[in-house]
N, C-alpha and C. Protein backbone atom coordinates (compact mmCIF):
# COMPACT_ATOMS: atom_id res chain seq x y z
N MET A 1 48.41 -21.78 0.40
CA MET A 1 47.36 -21.75 1.39
C MET A 1 46.29 -20.74 1.00
N ILE A 2 46.71 -19.54 0.53
CA ILE A 2 45.76 -18.51 0.14
C ILE A 2 44.99 -18.96 -1.10
N LYS A 3 45.68 -19.61 -2.04
CA LYS A 3 45.00 -20.09 -3.25
C LYS A 3 43.93 -21.12 -2.91
N LYS A 4 44.27 -22.01 -1.97
CA LYS A 4 43.32 -23.05 -1.58
C LYS A 4 42.10 -22.42 -0.89
N THR A 5 42.32 -21.44 -0.01
CA THR A 5 41.22 -20.75 0.67
C THR A 5 40.36 -20.01 -0.35
N PHE A 6 41.01 -19.34 -1.30
CA PHE A 6 40.27 -18.61 -2.34
C PHE A 6 39.46 -19.58 -3.19
N LEU A 7 40.02 -20.73 -3.54
CA LEU A 7 39.33 -21.73 -4.34
C LEU A 7 38.10 -22.27 -3.59
N ILE A 8 38.27 -22.56 -2.32
CA ILE A 8 37.14 -23.05 -1.51
C ILE A 8 36.05 -21.98 -1.42
N LEU A 9 36.46 -20.74 -1.19
CA LEU A 9 35.50 -19.64 -1.10
C LEU A 9 34.77 -19.45 -2.42
N ALA A 10 35.49 -19.52 -3.53
CA ALA A 10 34.87 -19.38 -4.85
C ALA A 10 33.88 -20.50 -5.11
N CYS A 11 34.23 -21.71 -4.74
CA CYS A 11 33.32 -22.86 -4.93
C CYS A 11 32.06 -22.70 -4.08
N VAL A 12 32.22 -22.27 -2.84
CA VAL A 12 31.07 -22.06 -1.96
C VAL A 12 30.15 -20.98 -2.53
N LEU A 13 30.75 -19.89 -3.01
CA LEU A 13 29.96 -18.81 -3.60
C LEU A 13 29.23 -19.26 -4.87
N LEU A 14 29.90 -19.98 -5.72
CA LEU A 14 29.27 -20.50 -6.93
C LEU A 14 28.15 -21.48 -6.61
N LEU A 15 28.42 -22.36 -5.67
CA LEU A 15 27.40 -23.33 -5.28
C LEU A 15 26.20 -22.62 -4.65
N GLY A 16 26.47 -21.66 -3.78
CA GLY A 16 25.37 -20.90 -3.16
C GLY A 16 24.60 -20.08 -4.17
N GLY A 17 25.31 -19.44 -5.10
CA GLY A 17 24.64 -18.66 -6.14
C GLY A 17 23.80 -19.53 -7.06
N GLY A 18 24.34 -20.68 -7.43
CA GLY A 18 23.58 -21.61 -8.28
C GLY A 18 22.35 -22.14 -7.58
N THR A 19 22.51 -22.50 -6.32
CA THR A 19 21.36 -22.98 -5.54
C THR A 19 20.33 -21.87 -5.39
N GLY A 20 20.79 -20.65 -5.13
CA GLY A 20 19.86 -19.52 -5.02
C GLY A 20 19.13 -19.26 -6.31
N TYR A 21 19.81 -19.41 -7.44
CA TYR A 21 19.15 -19.21 -8.74
C TYR A 21 18.11 -20.28 -9.01
N ILE A 22 18.43 -21.51 -8.68
CA ILE A 22 17.49 -22.61 -8.90
C ILE A 22 16.25 -22.45 -8.04
N PHE A 23 16.42 -22.04 -6.79
CA PHE A 23 15.30 -21.92 -5.86
C PHE A 23 14.89 -20.46 -5.63
N LYS A 24 15.07 -19.62 -6.65
CA LYS A 24 14.82 -18.19 -6.46
C LYS A 24 13.36 -17.89 -6.12
N GLN A 25 12.41 -18.62 -6.72
CA GLN A 25 10.99 -18.37 -6.43
C GLN A 25 10.67 -18.71 -4.97
N GLN A 26 11.13 -19.85 -4.50
CA GLN A 26 10.88 -20.24 -3.12
C GLN A 26 11.58 -19.29 -2.15
N LEU A 27 12.79 -18.87 -2.48
CA LEU A 27 13.51 -17.94 -1.61
C LEU A 27 12.80 -16.59 -1.56
N TRP A 28 12.30 -16.12 -2.72
CA TRP A 28 11.59 -14.84 -2.75
C TRP A 28 10.32 -14.91 -1.90
N GLU A 29 9.57 -16.02 -2.02
CA GLU A 29 8.36 -16.20 -1.21
C GLU A 29 8.70 -16.21 0.28
N LEU A 30 9.80 -16.82 0.65
CA LEU A 30 10.23 -16.83 2.04
C LEU A 30 10.57 -15.42 2.52
N VAL A 31 11.28 -14.66 1.69
CA VAL A 31 11.63 -13.28 2.04
C VAL A 31 10.37 -12.44 2.23
N VAL A 32 9.41 -12.56 1.31
CA VAL A 32 8.16 -11.79 1.41
C VAL A 32 7.37 -12.21 2.65
N THR A 33 7.32 -13.49 2.93
CA THR A 33 6.60 -13.97 4.11
C THR A 33 7.21 -13.43 5.39
N VAL A 34 8.51 -13.47 5.49
CA VAL A 34 9.18 -12.98 6.69
C VAL A 34 9.04 -11.46 6.80
N ALA A 35 9.18 -10.75 5.68
CA ALA A 35 9.11 -9.29 5.70
C ALA A 35 7.71 -8.77 6.02
N SER A 36 6.68 -9.51 5.62
CA SER A 36 5.32 -9.03 5.82
C SER A 36 4.62 -9.69 7.01
N LYS A 37 5.36 -10.39 7.83
CA LYS A 37 4.76 -11.04 8.98
C LYS A 37 4.17 -9.99 9.91
N GLU A 38 2.95 -10.18 10.32
CA GLU A 38 2.20 -9.30 11.21
C GLU A 38 1.95 -7.92 10.61
N THR A 39 2.04 -7.80 9.29
CA THR A 39 1.75 -6.54 8.62
C THR A 39 0.25 -6.41 8.36
N PHE A 40 -0.39 -7.49 8.00
CA PHE A 40 -1.80 -7.48 7.66
C PHE A 40 -2.60 -8.19 8.74
N ILE A 41 -3.85 -7.75 8.91
CA ILE A 41 -4.72 -8.39 9.89
C ILE A 41 -5.78 -9.21 9.15
N ALA A 42 -6.29 -10.23 9.79
CA ALA A 42 -7.26 -11.11 9.15
C ALA A 42 -8.63 -10.45 9.04
N ALA A 43 -8.99 -9.62 10.02
CA ALA A 43 -10.31 -8.99 10.00
C ALA A 43 -10.24 -7.64 10.69
N ASP A 44 -11.10 -6.73 10.26
CA ASP A 44 -11.19 -5.41 10.87
C ASP A 44 -12.19 -5.50 12.02
N THR A 45 -11.70 -5.49 13.24
CA THR A 45 -12.58 -5.71 14.39
C THR A 45 -12.78 -4.48 15.26
N ASP A 46 -12.20 -3.34 14.88
CA ASP A 46 -12.37 -2.16 15.72
C ASP A 46 -13.67 -1.43 15.36
N ASP A 47 -14.01 -0.42 16.15
CA ASP A 47 -15.25 0.32 15.97
C ASP A 47 -15.09 1.54 15.06
N TYR A 48 -13.92 1.78 14.53
CA TYR A 48 -13.67 2.95 13.69
C TYR A 48 -14.43 2.83 12.38
N ASP A 49 -15.16 3.88 12.01
CA ASP A 49 -15.90 3.93 10.75
C ASP A 49 -15.27 5.01 9.88
N PRO A 50 -14.59 4.65 8.79
CA PRO A 50 -13.90 5.65 7.98
C PRO A 50 -14.82 6.51 7.13
N GLY A 51 -16.10 6.21 7.08
CA GLY A 51 -17.01 7.06 6.30
C GLY A 51 -17.70 6.29 5.20
N LEU A 52 -17.91 6.96 4.09
CA LEU A 52 -18.65 6.38 2.98
C LEU A 52 -17.94 5.20 2.37
N GLY A 53 -18.74 4.24 1.94
CA GLY A 53 -18.19 3.10 1.23
C GLY A 53 -18.24 3.34 -0.27
N ILE A 54 -17.65 2.46 -1.02
CA ILE A 54 -17.65 2.58 -2.48
C ILE A 54 -19.08 2.45 -2.96
N GLY A 55 -19.51 3.41 -3.78
CA GLY A 55 -20.86 3.40 -4.34
C GLY A 55 -21.89 4.11 -3.49
N ASP A 56 -21.55 4.52 -2.27
CA ASP A 56 -22.50 5.26 -1.44
C ASP A 56 -22.72 6.66 -2.00
N THR A 57 -23.89 7.21 -1.72
CA THR A 57 -24.20 8.56 -2.15
C THR A 57 -23.55 9.56 -1.22
N PHE A 58 -22.90 10.55 -1.81
CA PHE A 58 -22.23 11.58 -1.01
C PHE A 58 -23.28 12.53 -0.45
N PRO A 59 -23.20 12.87 0.83
CA PRO A 59 -24.20 13.76 1.41
C PRO A 59 -24.03 15.20 0.89
N ASN A 60 -25.10 15.98 1.00
CA ASN A 60 -25.02 17.38 0.60
C ASN A 60 -24.05 18.12 1.50
N ILE A 61 -23.45 19.16 0.92
CA ILE A 61 -22.49 19.98 1.65
C ILE A 61 -22.91 21.44 1.54
N LYS A 62 -22.27 22.28 2.30
CA LYS A 62 -22.42 23.72 2.15
C LYS A 62 -21.02 24.29 2.09
N ALA A 63 -20.67 24.80 0.90
CA ALA A 63 -19.32 25.31 0.69
C ALA A 63 -19.37 26.47 -0.28
N MET A 64 -18.28 27.19 -0.37
CA MET A 64 -18.16 28.29 -1.31
C MET A 64 -17.26 27.83 -2.47
N TYR A 65 -17.72 28.10 -3.70
CA TYR A 65 -16.92 27.78 -4.89
C TYR A 65 -17.07 28.94 -5.87
N GLN A 66 -16.01 29.61 -6.14
CA GLN A 66 -15.96 30.75 -7.04
C GLN A 66 -17.01 31.81 -6.67
N GLY A 67 -17.12 32.07 -5.37
CA GLY A 67 -18.02 33.11 -4.87
C GLY A 67 -19.47 32.69 -4.74
N LYS A 68 -19.80 31.44 -5.00
CA LYS A 68 -21.18 30.97 -4.91
C LYS A 68 -21.26 29.85 -3.88
N GLU A 69 -22.41 29.77 -3.20
CA GLU A 69 -22.62 28.66 -2.27
C GLU A 69 -22.95 27.40 -3.06
N VAL A 70 -22.31 26.31 -2.68
CA VAL A 70 -22.51 25.02 -3.34
C VAL A 70 -23.07 24.05 -2.31
N TYR A 71 -24.11 23.30 -2.69
CA TYR A 71 -24.73 22.32 -1.80
C TYR A 71 -24.63 20.89 -2.32
N ASP A 72 -24.27 20.75 -3.58
CA ASP A 72 -24.28 19.45 -4.23
C ASP A 72 -22.93 19.24 -4.92
N VAL A 73 -22.35 18.06 -4.79
CA VAL A 73 -21.06 17.77 -5.41
C VAL A 73 -21.21 17.09 -6.77
N ARG A 74 -22.41 16.72 -7.16
CA ARG A 74 -22.59 15.99 -8.43
C ARG A 74 -22.08 16.75 -9.65
N PRO A 75 -22.23 18.10 -9.73
CA PRO A 75 -21.67 18.78 -10.90
C PRO A 75 -20.15 18.65 -11.03
N PHE A 76 -19.47 18.36 -9.94
CA PHE A 76 -18.01 18.23 -9.97
C PHE A 76 -17.56 16.81 -10.32
N ALA A 77 -18.41 15.83 -10.09
CA ALA A 77 -18.09 14.43 -10.38
C ALA A 77 -18.47 14.13 -11.82
N GLN A 78 -17.48 14.09 -12.69
CA GLN A 78 -17.76 13.84 -14.10
C GLN A 78 -17.57 12.36 -14.41
N HIS A 79 -17.32 12.00 -15.64
CA HIS A 79 -17.28 10.60 -16.04
C HIS A 79 -16.15 9.81 -15.38
N LYS A 80 -15.12 10.47 -14.90
CA LYS A 80 -14.03 9.76 -14.23
C LYS A 80 -14.17 9.80 -12.71
N GLY A 81 -15.21 10.45 -12.20
CA GLY A 81 -15.38 10.54 -10.76
C GLY A 81 -14.64 11.73 -10.18
N MET A 82 -14.50 11.75 -8.88
CA MET A 82 -13.80 12.84 -8.23
C MET A 82 -13.24 12.39 -6.89
N ILE A 83 -12.33 13.17 -6.38
CA ILE A 83 -11.78 12.96 -5.05
C ILE A 83 -12.16 14.16 -4.22
N PHE A 84 -12.74 13.92 -3.06
CA PHE A 84 -13.15 14.99 -2.16
C PHE A 84 -12.27 14.93 -0.92
N ILE A 85 -11.59 16.02 -0.61
CA ILE A 85 -10.71 16.07 0.56
C ILE A 85 -11.20 17.19 1.45
N ALA A 86 -11.47 16.88 2.71
CA ALA A 86 -11.89 17.89 3.68
C ALA A 86 -10.81 18.00 4.74
N ASN A 87 -10.47 19.22 5.08
CA ASN A 87 -9.45 19.47 6.09
C ASN A 87 -10.11 20.24 7.22
N ARG A 88 -10.23 19.64 8.35
CA ARG A 88 -10.84 20.30 9.50
C ARG A 88 -9.73 20.84 10.40
N SER A 89 -9.70 22.13 10.53
CA SER A 89 -8.68 22.72 11.38
C SER A 89 -9.17 22.76 12.82
N ALA A 90 -8.29 23.11 13.72
CA ALA A 90 -8.67 23.21 15.14
C ALA A 90 -9.42 24.48 15.43
N ASP A 91 -9.41 25.44 14.50
CA ASP A 91 -10.04 26.74 14.71
C ASP A 91 -11.32 26.84 13.88
N TRP A 92 -12.40 26.14 14.32
CA TRP A 92 -13.68 26.20 13.61
C TRP A 92 -14.64 27.04 14.34
């Protein structure tokens, strides 16, 4: 009885594994579709403006760099560009 149950279980597993291998692309697409459901939105409809867009000119700033006042970020943006991070604390 145990041998017969084990044989049936082994056949089911082999058949399921073979079927999964044959249809692996379709199964993966199904998994991705189910996992990412409602993750992305079709359009940005809120009023939030995150700031500058790609290619926009960065506005002048007033900051201290190595003891000197800096008003322009262009000297810092070299051939690879730059990342500008501003941290606004609650104590301004």
